[in-house]
Protein backbone atom coordinates (compact mmCIF):
# COMPACT_ATOMS: atom_id res chain seq x y z
CA MET A 1 133.43 93.22 8.87
CA ALA A 2 133.88 91.06 11.90
CA ALA A 3 132.07 92.09 15.04
CA THR A 4 134.12 93.38 17.75
CA THR A 5 133.70 91.72 21.13
CA THR A 6 134.33 93.55 24.29
CA LEU A 7 135.53 91.37 27.10
CA ILE A 8 134.60 92.29 30.78
CA SER A 9 136.58 90.54 33.50
CA PRO A 10 134.42 88.78 36.11
CA SER A 11 136.22 90.80 38.73
CA SER A 12 135.43 94.06 37.04
CA SER A 13 131.73 93.10 36.69
CA ARG A 14 131.50 92.14 40.29
CA SER A 15 133.19 95.35 41.58
CA ARG A 16 130.76 97.56 39.82
CA SER A 17 127.80 96.02 41.66
CA ARG A 18 129.43 96.10 45.23
CA THR A 19 127.97 98.62 47.60
CA ALA A 20 129.70 100.01 50.68
CA LEU A 21 127.78 102.08 53.24
CA ILE A 22 129.99 104.74 55.15
CA THR A 23 128.51 105.72 58.44
CA SER A 24 130.23 108.60 60.24
CA ALA A 25 129.37 112.04 61.55
CA ASP A 26 132.60 113.33 60.08
CA GLY A 27 131.78 114.76 56.70
CA SER A 28 135.50 115.01 55.68
CA PHE A 29 136.18 111.36 56.51
CA ARG A 30 133.04 110.32 54.49
CA GLN A 31 134.11 112.26 51.55
CA GLN A 32 137.78 110.96 51.59
CA LEU A 33 136.64 107.31 51.91
CA ASN A 34 134.01 107.81 49.23
CA THR A 35 136.61 109.06 46.76
CA MET A 36 139.01 106.22 47.63
CA LEU A 37 136.31 103.42 47.41
CA THR A 38 134.78 104.96 44.21
CA GLY A 39 138.30 104.88 42.65
CA LEU A 40 138.31 100.96 43.49
CA ARG A 41 134.99 100.55 41.78
CA TRP A 42 132.64 100.55 44.76
CA HIS A 43 129.24 102.12 44.76
CA VAL A 44 129.24 104.16 47.81
CA ARG A 45 126.28 105.41 50.06
CA GLU A 46 126.71 107.63 53.10
CA ALA A 47 124.96 108.07 56.46
CA GLN A 48 125.63 110.61 59.17
CA GLY A 49 124.45 108.48 61.99
CA GLY A 50 123.23 105.10 63.08
CA ALA A 51 119.55 105.61 62.47
CA GLU A 52 120.21 106.77 58.93
CA ALA A 53 122.42 103.86 58.30
CA TRP A 54 119.82 101.46 59.53
CA GLY A 55 117.36 102.92 57.20
CA GLU A 56 119.81 102.77 54.27
CA ALA A 57 120.46 99.04 54.85
CA MET A 58 116.60 98.44 55.01
CA ASP A 59 116.22 100.08 51.69
CA ARG A 60 119.11 98.29 50.00
CA LEU A 61 121.39 95.79 51.58
CA PRO A 62 125.17 96.84 51.16
CA GLN A 63 128.00 94.33 50.89
CA ALA A 64 129.98 96.17 53.44
CA ILE A 65 129.42 98.92 55.98
CA ILE A 66 132.20 101.00 57.52
CA VAL A 67 131.29 102.50 60.88
CA ASP A 68 133.21 105.25 62.69
CA SER A 69 134.20 104.94 66.24
CA TRP A 70 131.43 107.39 67.47
CA LEU A 71 127.86 107.86 66.30
CA PRO A 72 125.99 111.10 67.05
CA ASP A 73 122.62 109.44 67.81
CA LEU A 74 123.18 105.81 68.99
CA ASP A 75 125.47 103.84 71.26
CA ILE A 76 128.17 102.41 69.02
CA THR A 77 128.38 99.03 70.81
CA GLU A 78 124.64 98.53 70.86
CA PHE A 79 124.24 99.66 67.27
CA LEU A 80 126.90 97.22 65.89
CA ARG A 81 125.61 94.25 67.85
CA GLU A 82 122.09 94.79 66.62
CA PHE A 83 123.20 95.49 63.12
CA ARG A 84 125.21 92.35 62.90
CA ALA A 85 122.23 90.29 64.26
CA THR A 86 119.76 91.94 61.88
CA PHE A 87 122.00 92.03 58.79
CA PRO A 88 124.36 89.08 59.18
CA ASP A 89 125.35 89.01 55.47
CA VAL A 90 126.82 92.56 55.62
CA ASP A 91 130.57 92.79 56.28
CA VAL A 92 130.87 95.15 59.16
CA ILE A 93 134.12 97.09 59.47
CA THR A 94 134.76 99.39 62.45
CA ALA A 95 137.09 102.28 61.70
CA GLY A 96 137.83 103.27 65.29
CA SER A 97 138.87 101.89 68.65
CA ALA A 98 135.56 101.59 70.58
CA THR A 99 134.35 98.19 69.40
CA PRO A 100 135.68 94.72 68.66
CA LEU A 101 135.64 93.22 65.11
CA GLU A 102 133.21 90.26 65.52
CA SER A 103 132.09 89.59 62.02
CA ALA A 104 133.94 87.33 59.71
CA PRO A 105 135.92 89.06 57.02
CA GLY A 106 134.17 89.57 53.85
CA PRO A 107 135.91 88.87 50.40
CA HIS A 108 136.53 92.54 49.78
CA ARG A 109 137.74 93.70 53.10
CA GLN A 110 141.10 94.22 52.22
CA GLU A 111 140.38 96.78 49.56
CA ILE A 112 138.45 98.74 52.23
CA LEU A 113 141.32 98.47 54.81
CA TYR A 114 143.62 99.65 52.03
CA ALA A 115 141.42 102.84 51.60
CA LEU A 116 141.09 103.41 55.32
CA ARG A 117 144.76 103.11 55.83
CA ARG A 118 145.56 105.68 53.00
CA ILE A 119 143.14 108.01 54.64
CA GLN A 120 144.89 107.57 58.11
CA GLU A 121 148.38 108.22 56.49
CA THR A 122 147.21 111.38 54.74
CA ASP A 123 144.66 112.81 57.56
CA THR A 124 145.47 111.71 60.91
CA ALA A 125 143.06 114.31 62.33
CA ALA A 126 140.10 112.19 61.19
CA TRP A 127 141.21 109.29 63.52
CA ASN A 128 140.93 108.80 67.24
CA THR A 129 144.40 107.43 67.35
CA ALA A 130 146.22 106.61 70.55
CA PRO A 131 149.55 108.16 71.57
CA ASP A 132 152.57 107.04 69.40
CA LEU A 133 154.33 103.93 70.90
CA GLY A 134 157.35 102.27 70.07
CA ASP A 135 157.32 98.64 68.69
CA HIS A 136 158.63 97.48 72.03
CA GLU A 137 155.37 98.52 73.70
CA LEU A 138 153.25 96.31 71.53
CA PRO A 139 153.64 93.02 73.49
CA LYS A 140 152.66 95.03 76.60
CA LEU A 141 149.58 96.38 74.78
CA ARG A 142 148.42 92.95 73.80
CA ASN A 143 148.69 91.72 77.39
CA GLN A 144 146.74 94.70 78.62
CA ARG A 145 144.00 94.18 75.83
CA THR A 146 144.13 98.09 74.97
CA THR A 147 142.07 99.50 72.28
CA LEU A 148 144.38 101.02 69.64
CA PRO A 149 142.66 101.52 66.16
CA PRO A 150 142.84 98.24 64.40
CA LEU A 151 144.50 99.55 61.23
CA GLU A 152 147.26 101.28 63.42
CA LEU A 153 148.04 97.99 65.20
CA ALA A 154 147.94 96.03 61.86
CA GLN A 155 150.39 98.61 60.51
CA ARG A 156 152.75 98.49 63.43
CA THR A 157 152.91 94.67 63.61
CA GLY A 158 153.55 94.44 59.79
CA GLU A 159 150.25 92.42 59.18
CA ASP A 160 148.93 94.48 56.39
CA GLU A 161 147.11 91.41 54.80
CA ASP A 162 145.45 90.31 58.01
CA ILE A 163 143.68 92.33 60.74
CA GLN A 164 143.54 89.47 63.19
CA ALA A 165 146.32 90.99 65.35
CA ALA A 166 144.22 94.06 65.69
CA ALA A 167 141.17 92.16 66.68
CA GLU A 168 143.04 90.34 69.41
CA ALA A 169 144.15 93.75 70.82
CA LEU A 170 140.69 94.89 71.17
CA PRO A 171 138.37 94.05 74.26
CA ALA A 172 136.59 90.77 74.13
CA GLN A 173 132.86 90.74 73.63
CA GLY A 174 132.26 90.33 77.32
CA SER A 175 134.69 92.81 78.60
CA CYS A 176 132.71 95.94 78.00
CA THR A 177 131.89 98.21 80.93
CA SER A 178 128.89 97.49 83.05
CA THR A 179 127.09 100.40 81.76
CA ILE A 180 127.26 99.33 78.23
CA ALA A 181 126.80 95.71 79.15
CA ASP A 182 123.52 96.62 81.08
CA SER A 183 122.41 98.70 77.99
CA VAL A 184 122.82 95.96 75.64
CA ARG A 185 121.25 93.42 78.08
CA ASN A 186 118.19 95.61 78.56
CA SER A 187 117.67 95.99 74.91
CA THR A 188 118.48 92.74 73.34
CA ILE A 189 116.71 89.53 73.80
CA ALA A 190 117.21 85.90 72.93
CA GLY A 191 117.25 84.98 69.31
CA GLY A 192 118.57 88.34 68.03
CA THR A 193 115.24 90.15 68.33
CA SER A 194 116.06 93.64 69.58
CA ARG A 195 113.83 96.24 71.40
CA ILE A 196 114.40 99.93 72.07
CA SER A 197 115.75 100.33 75.59
CA GLU A 198 113.14 103.08 76.52
CA LEU A 199 110.22 100.49 75.79
CA ILE A 200 110.28 98.07 78.80
CA GLY A 201 108.90 94.66 77.97
CA ASN A 202 109.79 91.54 75.95
CA SER A 203 106.25 90.52 74.97
CA GLN A 204 105.66 90.19 71.25
CA CYS A 205 103.57 93.33 70.92
CA MET A 206 106.28 95.50 72.56
CA LEU A 207 108.95 93.97 70.25
CA ASP A 208 106.67 94.75 67.27
CA ILE A 209 106.54 98.36 68.38
CA SER A 210 110.29 98.50 68.53
CA ARG A 211 110.48 96.94 65.13
CA ARG A 212 108.10 99.46 63.54
CA ILE A 213 110.01 102.38 65.21
CA ARG A 214 113.23 101.29 63.68
CA LEU A 215 111.72 100.76 60.33
CA VAL A 216 110.15 104.30 60.15
CA ALA A 217 112.43 106.37 62.31
CA PRO A 218 115.05 107.22 59.58
CA ARG A 219 112.42 108.60 57.27
CA SER A 220 110.35 111.86 57.35
CA THR A 221 107.21 109.86 57.12
CA PRO A 222 104.39 111.09 59.33
CA VAL A 223 103.41 108.82 62.06
CA LEU A 224 100.17 108.28 64.05
CA ILE A 225 100.44 106.65 67.46
CA GLU A 226 97.27 105.25 68.77
CA GLY A 227 96.78 103.76 72.22
CA PRO A 228 95.03 104.12 75.53
CA THR A 229 95.94 106.78 78.02
CA GLY A 230 99.02 105.89 80.00
CA SER A 231 100.30 103.31 77.55
CA GLY A 232 103.54 105.10 76.51
CA LYS A 233 102.69 106.99 73.30
CA GLU A 234 104.95 109.92 74.10
CA LEU A 235 107.85 107.51 74.76
CA VAL A 236 107.29 106.07 71.30
CA ALA A 237 107.33 109.65 69.70
CA GLU A 238 110.59 110.35 71.57
CA ALA A 239 112.14 107.17 70.43
CA LEU A 240 111.19 107.99 66.78
CA HIS A 241 112.94 111.37 67.16
CA LYS A 242 116.01 109.88 68.80
CA LEU A 243 116.56 107.38 66.11
CA SER A 244 115.84 109.74 63.31
CA THR A 245 118.23 112.00 61.31
CA ARG A 246 116.62 114.91 63.09
CA SER A 247 117.81 113.77 66.56
CA ARG A 248 119.96 116.92 66.95
CA LYS A 249 117.20 119.26 66.27
CA PRO A 250 114.29 120.20 68.59
CA PHE A 251 111.60 117.73 69.71
CA VAL A 252 108.62 120.04 70.42
CA ALA A 253 105.46 118.46 72.06
CA ILE A 254 102.10 120.01 72.43
CA ASN A 255 99.04 118.52 74.06
CA CYS A 256 96.09 119.60 72.00
CA ALA A 257 93.58 118.77 74.81
CA ALA A 258 95.41 120.82 77.38
CA ILE A 259 95.17 124.20 75.69
CA PRO A 260 91.90 126.10 75.24
CA GLU A 261 90.62 126.21 71.67
CA ALA A 262 90.89 130.15 71.61
CA LEU A 263 94.64 129.86 72.24
CA LEU A 264 95.61 126.61 70.42
CA GLU A 265 95.89 128.28 67.00
CA ALA A 266 98.36 130.83 68.30
CA GLU A 267 100.23 128.27 70.41
CA LEU A 268 100.79 126.19 67.18
CA PHE A 269 101.41 128.76 64.50
CA GLY A 270 102.57 131.77 66.69
CA HIS A 271 101.25 135.28 66.57
CA THR A 272 102.36 138.82 65.90
CA ARG A 273 102.13 141.67 68.42
CA GLY A 274 98.66 143.08 68.73
CA ALA A 275 97.09 140.04 66.92
CA PHE A 276 94.44 139.72 69.71
CA THR A 277 93.77 141.08 73.16
CA GLY A 278 96.64 140.58 75.53
CA ALA A 279 99.15 139.86 72.65
CA VAL A 280 101.65 142.55 73.74
CA HIS A 281 104.50 140.61 72.29
CA GLY A 282 104.90 138.53 69.13
CA ARG A 283 105.65 134.88 69.72
CA VAL A 284 107.01 131.95 67.81
CA GLY A 285 104.61 129.04 67.54
CA ARG A 286 105.38 125.33 68.37
CA ILE A 287 105.60 124.44 64.88
CA GLU A 288 108.13 127.09 63.84
CA ALA A 289 110.14 126.23 67.12
CA ALA A 290 110.49 122.59 65.90
CA ASN A 291 112.01 123.66 62.55
CA GLY A 292 114.37 120.98 61.41
CA GLY A 293 113.13 118.62 64.07
CA THR A 294 110.08 116.68 65.26
CA LEU A 295 106.54 118.18 66.19
CA PHE A 296 104.56 115.94 68.43
CA LEU A 297 100.89 116.60 68.50
CA ASP A 298 99.56 114.64 71.39
CA GLU A 299 95.75 114.02 71.68
CA ILE A 300 95.27 115.12 68.04
CA GLY A 301 91.70 113.96 68.12
CA GLU A 302 90.79 116.88 70.47
CA MET A 303 91.85 119.50 67.92
CA PRO A 304 88.85 121.67 66.70
CA LEU A 305 87.71 121.07 63.21
CA PRO A 306 88.52 124.70 61.97
CA LEU A 307 92.04 124.39 63.32
CA GLN A 308 92.33 120.89 61.71
CA ALA A 309 91.86 122.60 58.27
CA LYS A 310 94.76 125.10 59.01
CA LEU A 311 96.91 122.17 60.10
CA LEU A 312 96.13 120.27 56.92
CA ARG A 313 97.19 123.30 54.80
CA PHE A 314 100.60 123.34 56.65
CA VAL A 315 100.97 119.50 56.31
CA GLU A 316 100.43 119.72 52.57
CA SER A 317 102.54 122.85 51.79
CA GLY A 318 104.96 123.09 54.62
CA GLU A 319 104.07 126.80 54.95
CA LEU A 320 102.51 128.50 58.02
CA GLN A 321 101.00 131.85 58.82
CA ARG A 322 101.36 133.45 62.21
CA VAL A 323 98.04 134.72 63.59
CA GLY A 324 97.79 138.38 62.62
CA ASP A 325 100.53 138.22 59.88
CA ASN A 326 100.26 137.97 56.18
CA GLU A 327 103.70 136.53 55.53
CA LEU A 328 104.07 132.87 54.79
CA LEU A 329 106.98 131.04 56.50
CA LYS A 330 108.48 127.80 55.15
CA VAL A 331 109.05 125.32 58.05
CA ASP A 332 110.61 121.74 57.78
CA VAL A 333 109.14 119.44 60.47
CA ARG A 334 108.42 115.85 60.85
CA ILE A 335 104.91 115.36 62.34
CA ILE A 336 104.06 112.66 64.78
CA ALA A 337 100.59 112.56 66.20
CA ALA A 338 98.99 110.53 68.97
CA THR A 339 95.56 109.94 70.13
CA HIS A 340 93.69 107.52 72.45
CA GLN A 341 90.68 107.62 70.22
CA ALA A 342 89.83 105.55 67.09
CA LEU A 343 90.33 108.40 64.55
CA ALA A 344 89.27 106.30 61.61
CA HIS A 345 85.85 105.94 63.15
CA HIS A 346 85.63 109.49 64.07
CA THR A 347 86.26 110.46 60.51
CA GLN A 348 83.03 108.57 59.51
CA LEU A 349 81.24 110.47 62.27
CA GLY A 350 82.55 113.70 61.00
CA LYS A 351 84.31 114.53 64.30
CA PHE A 352 87.63 114.48 62.51
CA ARG A 353 88.77 115.46 58.97
CA ALA A 354 89.34 112.38 56.82
CA ASP A 355 91.86 114.19 54.63
CA LEU A 356 93.84 115.18 57.60
CA TYR A 357 93.72 111.71 59.11
CA TYR A 358 95.15 110.02 55.91
CA ARG A 359 97.89 112.60 55.99
CA LEU A 360 98.92 111.82 59.57
CA ALA A 361 98.32 108.00 59.46
CA VAL A 362 100.80 107.25 56.68
CA PHE A 363 102.44 104.87 59.25
CA LEU A 364 100.42 103.70 62.23
CA ILE A 365 101.87 102.36 65.58
CA ARG A 366 99.56 101.13 68.33
CA THR A 367 100.60 101.13 71.92
CA PRO A 368 98.77 98.35 73.95
CA PRO A 369 97.01 98.53 77.25
CA LEU A 370 99.02 96.95 80.01
CA ALA A 371 96.42 94.26 80.40
CA GLU A 372 97.43 92.83 76.98
CA HIS A 373 101.23 92.47 78.04
CA MET A 374 100.99 91.50 81.70
CA LYS A 375 104.05 89.32 81.39
CA ASP A 376 106.02 92.44 81.18
CA LEU A 377 104.78 93.54 84.66
CA PRO A 378 107.94 92.30 86.61
CA LEU A 379 110.24 94.01 84.22
CA LEU A 380 108.07 97.25 84.48
CA VAL A 381 108.08 97.05 88.33
CA ASP A 382 111.84 96.57 88.35
CA HIS A 383 112.40 99.46 86.06
CA PHE A 384 110.21 101.83 88.16
CA ILE A 385 111.71 100.83 91.44
CA GLU A 386 115.09 101.37 89.93
CA GLN A 387 114.18 104.79 88.73
CA MET A 388 112.77 105.73 92.21
CA GLY A 389 116.04 104.61 93.69
CA ARG A 390 117.72 107.67 92.17
CA THR A 391 115.86 110.10 94.65
CA MET A 392 115.14 107.76 97.66
CA PRO A 393 116.61 104.67 99.21
CA ILE A 394 116.12 101.83 96.73
CA LYS A 395 113.43 99.29 97.75
CA SER A 396 112.47 95.76 96.72
CA ILE A 397 109.03 94.15 96.35
CA ASN A 398 107.87 90.89 98.02
CA GLY A 399 105.89 88.04 96.38
CA ALA A 400 102.48 88.95 97.94
CA ALA A 401 102.77 92.59 96.63
CA MET A 402 103.66 91.38 93.13
CA GLU A 403 100.60 89.08 93.27
CA LYS A 404 98.39 92.08 94.15
CA LEU A 405 99.63 93.99 91.26
CA LYS A 406 98.96 91.04 88.81
CA LEU A 407 95.39 90.80 89.95
CA HIS A 408 94.62 94.57 89.13
CA SER A 409 93.14 95.39 85.81
CA TRP A 410 95.20 98.51 85.19
CA PRO A 411 92.75 100.91 83.64
CA GLY A 412 95.38 103.60 83.76
CA ASN A 413 97.97 101.29 82.17
CA VAL A 414 101.71 101.82 82.63
CA ARG A 415 101.32 105.30 84.08
CA GLU A 416 99.06 104.10 86.65
CA LEU A 417 101.66 101.34 87.63
CA GLU A 418 104.28 104.02 88.00
CA HIS A 419 102.10 105.97 90.28
CA VAL A 420 100.99 103.00 92.30
CA LEU A 421 104.68 102.10 93.06
CA GLU A 422 105.58 105.59 93.92
CA ARG A 423 102.65 105.67 96.44
CA ALA A 424 103.66 102.22 97.78
CA ALA A 425 107.33 103.52 98.28
CA ILE A 426 105.91 106.52 100.34
CA LEU A 427 103.76 104.43 102.32
CA ALA A 428 106.49 101.93 103.02
CA GLY A 429 108.41 104.81 104.75
CA ASP A 430 111.82 103.48 105.88
CA GLU A 431 111.03 99.87 105.25
CA PRO A 432 113.30 98.45 102.50
CA ILE A 433 110.61 96.06 101.16
CA LEU A 434 107.24 96.94 99.51
CA THR A 435 104.50 94.70 100.87
CA ALA A 436 100.84 93.95 99.82
CA GLU A 437 99.74 96.41 102.47
CA ASP A 438 101.70 99.20 100.77
CA ILE A 439 100.00 98.71 97.39
CA ASP A 440 97.18 101.28 97.29
CA PHE A 441 95.27 101.58 94.02
CA GLY A 442 93.37 104.68 95.14
CA ILE A 443 90.17 102.95 94.19
CA SER A 444 88.53 99.74 95.35
CA MET A 445 89.41 96.54 93.72
CA ASN A 446 86.47 95.00 91.83
CA PRO A 447 84.81 92.06 93.30
CA VAL A 448 86.58 89.58 90.96
CA GLU A 449 90.06 90.73 91.98
CA SER A 450 89.13 90.83 95.59
CA GLU A 451 87.72 87.19 95.45
CA GLN A 452 90.91 86.02 93.63
CA LEU A 453 93.21 87.74 96.30
CA VAL A 454 91.33 86.03 99.13
CA THR A 455 91.49 82.59 97.60
CA ARG A 456 95.23 82.93 97.01
C-alpha cells in the first residue's frame, strides 16, 4: 500500500512557531486577545506589567508584543522606547492611545490588528477610546495631532489594511510632555543603553547595575547587594521591587544592625502576647508584613548566628513561627539582602553561615564607592541640588566649589555628598550660588587634597 504523505503548507508551519506577548493589567483584555490569537495559530504568552514583559522577552524572544495603553509598574513611554532599543527585532504594537507607533510593521501585524479590532467591536469597555466623533471631525483631529486609539482611527478612515493614518494622528516622538521627556532623557543614554532613573550616573559600573536589576527584577530570585556604606544599596533594592511583579505589594525594610539582638527575632518573625516580658500585645513580624511583596534585610552581616539559622529555615521552607507560638505560617516573600561586608570571606571565618550565604547570594549586585565613578559627580550634584530646590530656593554651584568636591576622597560615598551639599546650601544662606567656602566636609581634607587645591 502506498505511503500517505501529509502536506503542511509553509504558512501553517510558520504560524505555529509565531509567539505573541500580550502586556496588560486588564485580565479580561488579555484573555480575549489570547483566544483570538490562538485561533489564528499564534502561541501566546501574557504579562501583567512592564517588568514581567521584559523578563518574558529575555527568556524567549517573541515575534510581536502587544502593549496596552497603561502599565501598572512602569511609565509606558519609557518602557516602549527602551524595549524597542533592546529588542529591535520584536514587532511592537500599542493597543491604546498613549504612545506613537514607531517600529516598522512586522509581517504578521495585520492579523494582530484584526484580533484587536474584533475585541474593540465586541467589548468597548476594555479600550480607552475617545468620544464618538463624526467623519467630518477627522481632518480637524489630524491637524491637532490628537491621540485617538490607532485602531479606531484606522476604522473611521477606512484604512483597514494600513495603520499609517493612525500613526500620523498620534504625537510625534519629540512632542511628549516635558515631564515624560525629562524622564526619558534622564534614563536613556546614547547608543541605546538605558539606566534606571533612580540610579544617577552614566559610568559603565552604574549602567551595569541597571542592566543586572532589569535582568533579575521580574523573577523571585534572592538578591544580595554588596557595597560600602552610603553607596545606594537601598535604592537598588527599591528599584528591584518597583520593576518586579510584586510592585503592588509591600516593600518592607529592616536594618539588622539597628535593632538589639534580643528584639531582632521578634521584629522579624513577630510574637504572641506574653511571649516575653513587655509583650502585652501580639505583633506581626516584618516577614509576615511583607507577604506577597519584598523583604529587604539591610546589613544582613550583622545578624547573630542563632538567628541566621532560623532565617535559613524560613528561606528554605517559606514557613515561619512567631515567637511564643507553635503554629507555622506560610509566607510568600522575595528576599533582598544587603551588606557592606565581604560575606564570602566571613563565611570562611565562621562569622556568617555558608548555607545561608549561598541561599541569599543567588544573584549578586555590587554598588561601587563614589571614588570609582567620579565622572558621575556633576550629575549627582545637579540631582541633589534639584531635590533641595523642592524645600528651599534652588541654588547653583560655581566652578571652584565643584573642583573642591572633585578633590575629596568621599569615604561616605553618595550619602556623604548629599549631606555636604545640604550643609553648603544652609551655609550659603540667601546667596543663590554655592561657593568653595560653603563646601564643608565636617573633617579636615587630607594633605594631598589640600596641596592639590592650593596648586589649582
